[in-house]
Structures are given as structure tokens and as C-alpha cells.
C-alpha atoms as a PDB file:
ATOM      1  CA  MET A   1      21.248  32.654  27.697  1.00  0.00           C
ATOM      2  CA  ASN A   2      18.182  31.223  29.428  1.00  0.00           C
ATOM      3  CA  GLN A   3      18.289  27.771  30.960  1.00  0.00           C
ATOM      4  CA  LEU A   4      18.310  25.291  28.079  1.00  0.00           C
ATOM      5  CA  GLU A   5      17.197  21.671  28.179  1.00  0.00           C
ATOM      6  CA  TRP A   6      20.076  19.747  26.602  1.00  0.00           C
ATOM      7  CA  GLN A   7      19.544  16.378  24.932  1.00  0.00           C
ATOM      8  CA  LYS A   8      22.363  13.966  24.131  1.00  0.00           C
ATOM      9  CA  SER A   9      22.529  12.885  20.517  1.00  0.00           C
ATOM     10  CA  SER A  10      21.642   9.222  20.016  1.00  0.00           C
ATOM     11  CA  PHE A  11      24.697   8.956  17.740  1.00  0.00           C
ATOM     12  CA  SER A  12      27.195   9.982  20.430  1.00  0.00           C
ATOM     13  CA  GLY A  13      29.634   7.511  21.919  1.00  0.00           C
ATOM     14  CA  GLY A  14      28.938   5.941  25.273  1.00  0.00           C
ATOM     15  CA  GLY A  15      31.926   7.374  27.155  1.00  0.00           C
ATOM     16  CA  GLU A  16      32.142  10.509  29.228  1.00  0.00           C
ATOM     17  CA  GLY A  17      33.066  13.658  27.297  1.00  0.00           C
ATOM     18  CA  GLU A  18      32.148  12.171  23.939  1.00  0.00           C
ATOM     19  CA  CYS A  19      28.631  13.535  23.571  1.00  0.00           C
ATOM     20  CA  VAL A  20      27.090  16.003  21.189  1.00  0.00           C
ATOM     21  CA  GLU A  21      24.178  17.750  22.868  1.00  0.00           C
ATOM     22  CA  LEU A  22      21.366  19.802  21.333  1.00  0.00           C
ATOM     23  CA  ALA A  23      18.812  22.232  22.768  1.00  0.00           C
ATOM     24  CA  ASN A  24      15.934  24.227  21.283  1.00  0.00           C
ATOM     25  CA  GLY A  25      16.370  27.958  21.566  1.00  0.00           C
ATOM     26  CA  ALA A  26      14.502  31.176  20.986  1.00  0.00           C
ATOM     27  CA  ALA A  27      13.184  31.978  17.520  1.00  0.00           C
ATOM     28  CA  GLY A  28      13.421  28.303  16.556  1.00  0.00           C
ATOM     29  CA  HIS A  29      17.214  28.155  16.624  1.00  0.00           C
ATOM     30  CA  VAL A  30      19.118  25.025  17.641  1.00  0.00           C
ATOM     31  CA  HIS A  31      22.049  25.136  20.077  1.00  0.00           C
ATOM     32  CA  LEU A  32      24.878  22.579  19.866  1.00  0.00           C
ATOM     33  CA  ARG A  33      27.726  21.788  22.235  1.00  0.00           C
ATOM     34  CA  GLU A  34      30.127  19.031  23.198  1.00  0.00           C
ATOM     35  CA  SER A  35      29.575  17.679  26.684  1.00  0.00           C
ATOM     36  CA  ASP A  36      33.237  18.133  27.618  1.00  0.00           C
ATOM     37  CA  ARG A  37      33.026  21.866  26.676  1.00  0.00           C
ATOM     38  CA  PRO A  38      29.598  22.937  27.955  1.00  0.00           C
ATOM     39  CA  THR A  39      30.278  26.685  27.793  1.00  0.00           C
ATOM     40  CA  GLU A  40      31.163  26.632  24.070  1.00  0.00           C
ATOM     41  CA  ILE A  41      27.802  26.752  22.310  1.00  0.00           C
ATOM     42  CA  THR A  42      27.093  27.075  18.599  1.00  0.00           C
ATOM     43  CA  THR A  43      23.693  28.364  17.489  1.00  0.00           C
ATOM     44  CA  VAL A  44      22.260  27.555  14.070  1.00  0.00           C
ATOM     45  CA  ALA A  45      19.006  27.849  12.181  1.00  0.00           C
ATOM     46  CA  PRO A  46      17.221  24.504  11.758  1.00  0.00           C
ATOM     47  CA  GLY A  47      17.444  24.693   7.970  1.00  0.00           C
ATOM     48  CA  ALA A  48      21.214  25.170   8.052  1.00  0.00           C
ATOM     49  CA  LEU A  49      21.634  22.219  10.426  1.00  0.00           C
ATOM     50  CA  TYR A  50      19.436  20.076   8.181  1.00  0.00           C
ATOM     51  CA  GLU A  51      21.536  20.938   5.115  1.00  0.00           C
ATOM     52  CA  LEU A  52      24.777  20.162   6.966  1.00  0.00           C
ATOM     53  CA  LEU A  53      23.489  16.766   8.112  1.00  0.00           C
ATOM     54  CA  ARG A  54      22.068  15.992   4.669  1.00  0.00           C
ATOM     55  CA  THR A  55      25.415  16.792   3.045  1.00  0.00           C
ATOM     56  CA  LEU A  56      27.387  14.737   5.555  1.00  0.00           C
ATOM     57  CA  LYS A  57      25.096  11.731   5.026  1.00  0.00           C
ATOM     58  CA  ALA A  58      25.290  11.957   1.219  1.00  0.00           C
ATOM     59  CA  ASP A  59      27.481   9.469  -0.614  1.00  0.00           C
ATOM     60  CA  ASP A  60      29.359  12.271  -2.334  1.00  0.00           C
ATOM     61  CA  ALA A  61      30.075  14.266   0.833  1.00  0.00           C
ATOM     62  CA  PRO A  62      33.668  15.531   0.980  1.00  0.00           C
ATOM     63  CA  THR A  63      35.951  14.033   3.608  1.00  0.00           C
ATOM     64  CA  LEU A  64      36.564  16.355   6.537  1.00  0.00           C
ATOM     65  CA  ARG A  65      40.213  16.621   7.556  1.00  0.00           C
ATOM     66  CA  GLY A  66      41.401  18.195  10.767  1.00  0.00           C
END
């Protein structure tokens, strides 16, 4: 993967290892990673990321359990 320019999410916590980072990729895709695991990268289409964020922000979004 070419050198990507990672940007920290403005919603991430202030501590080390608590950051979600995003980078623009080829063909308009968006790359996501956690700063404490920089080699584990997820790639998504912008529309899919938008729908995920829209669903999570919605009042009726299901609770995620881990």
C-alpha cells in the first residue's frame, strides 16, 4: 500500500493508543485504523462508511455489544 496520510479523528480520546485514524486511498476508498494497531487497516467505500456513521448516530441505532 502506498504511503498514506493519516488523520486522527476529532472524536478520538486524548490519550495515546486511543485514536481512530483515517486516510484517503485509491479509487476514492477510505482507510481506517486504530493508532495502537497501525498495521491493521480496514478499507471501505465512502458510501458504506457514511451509512455506518448515519446508523450509529440515529436514535434508533442498535446497541453494539462486544
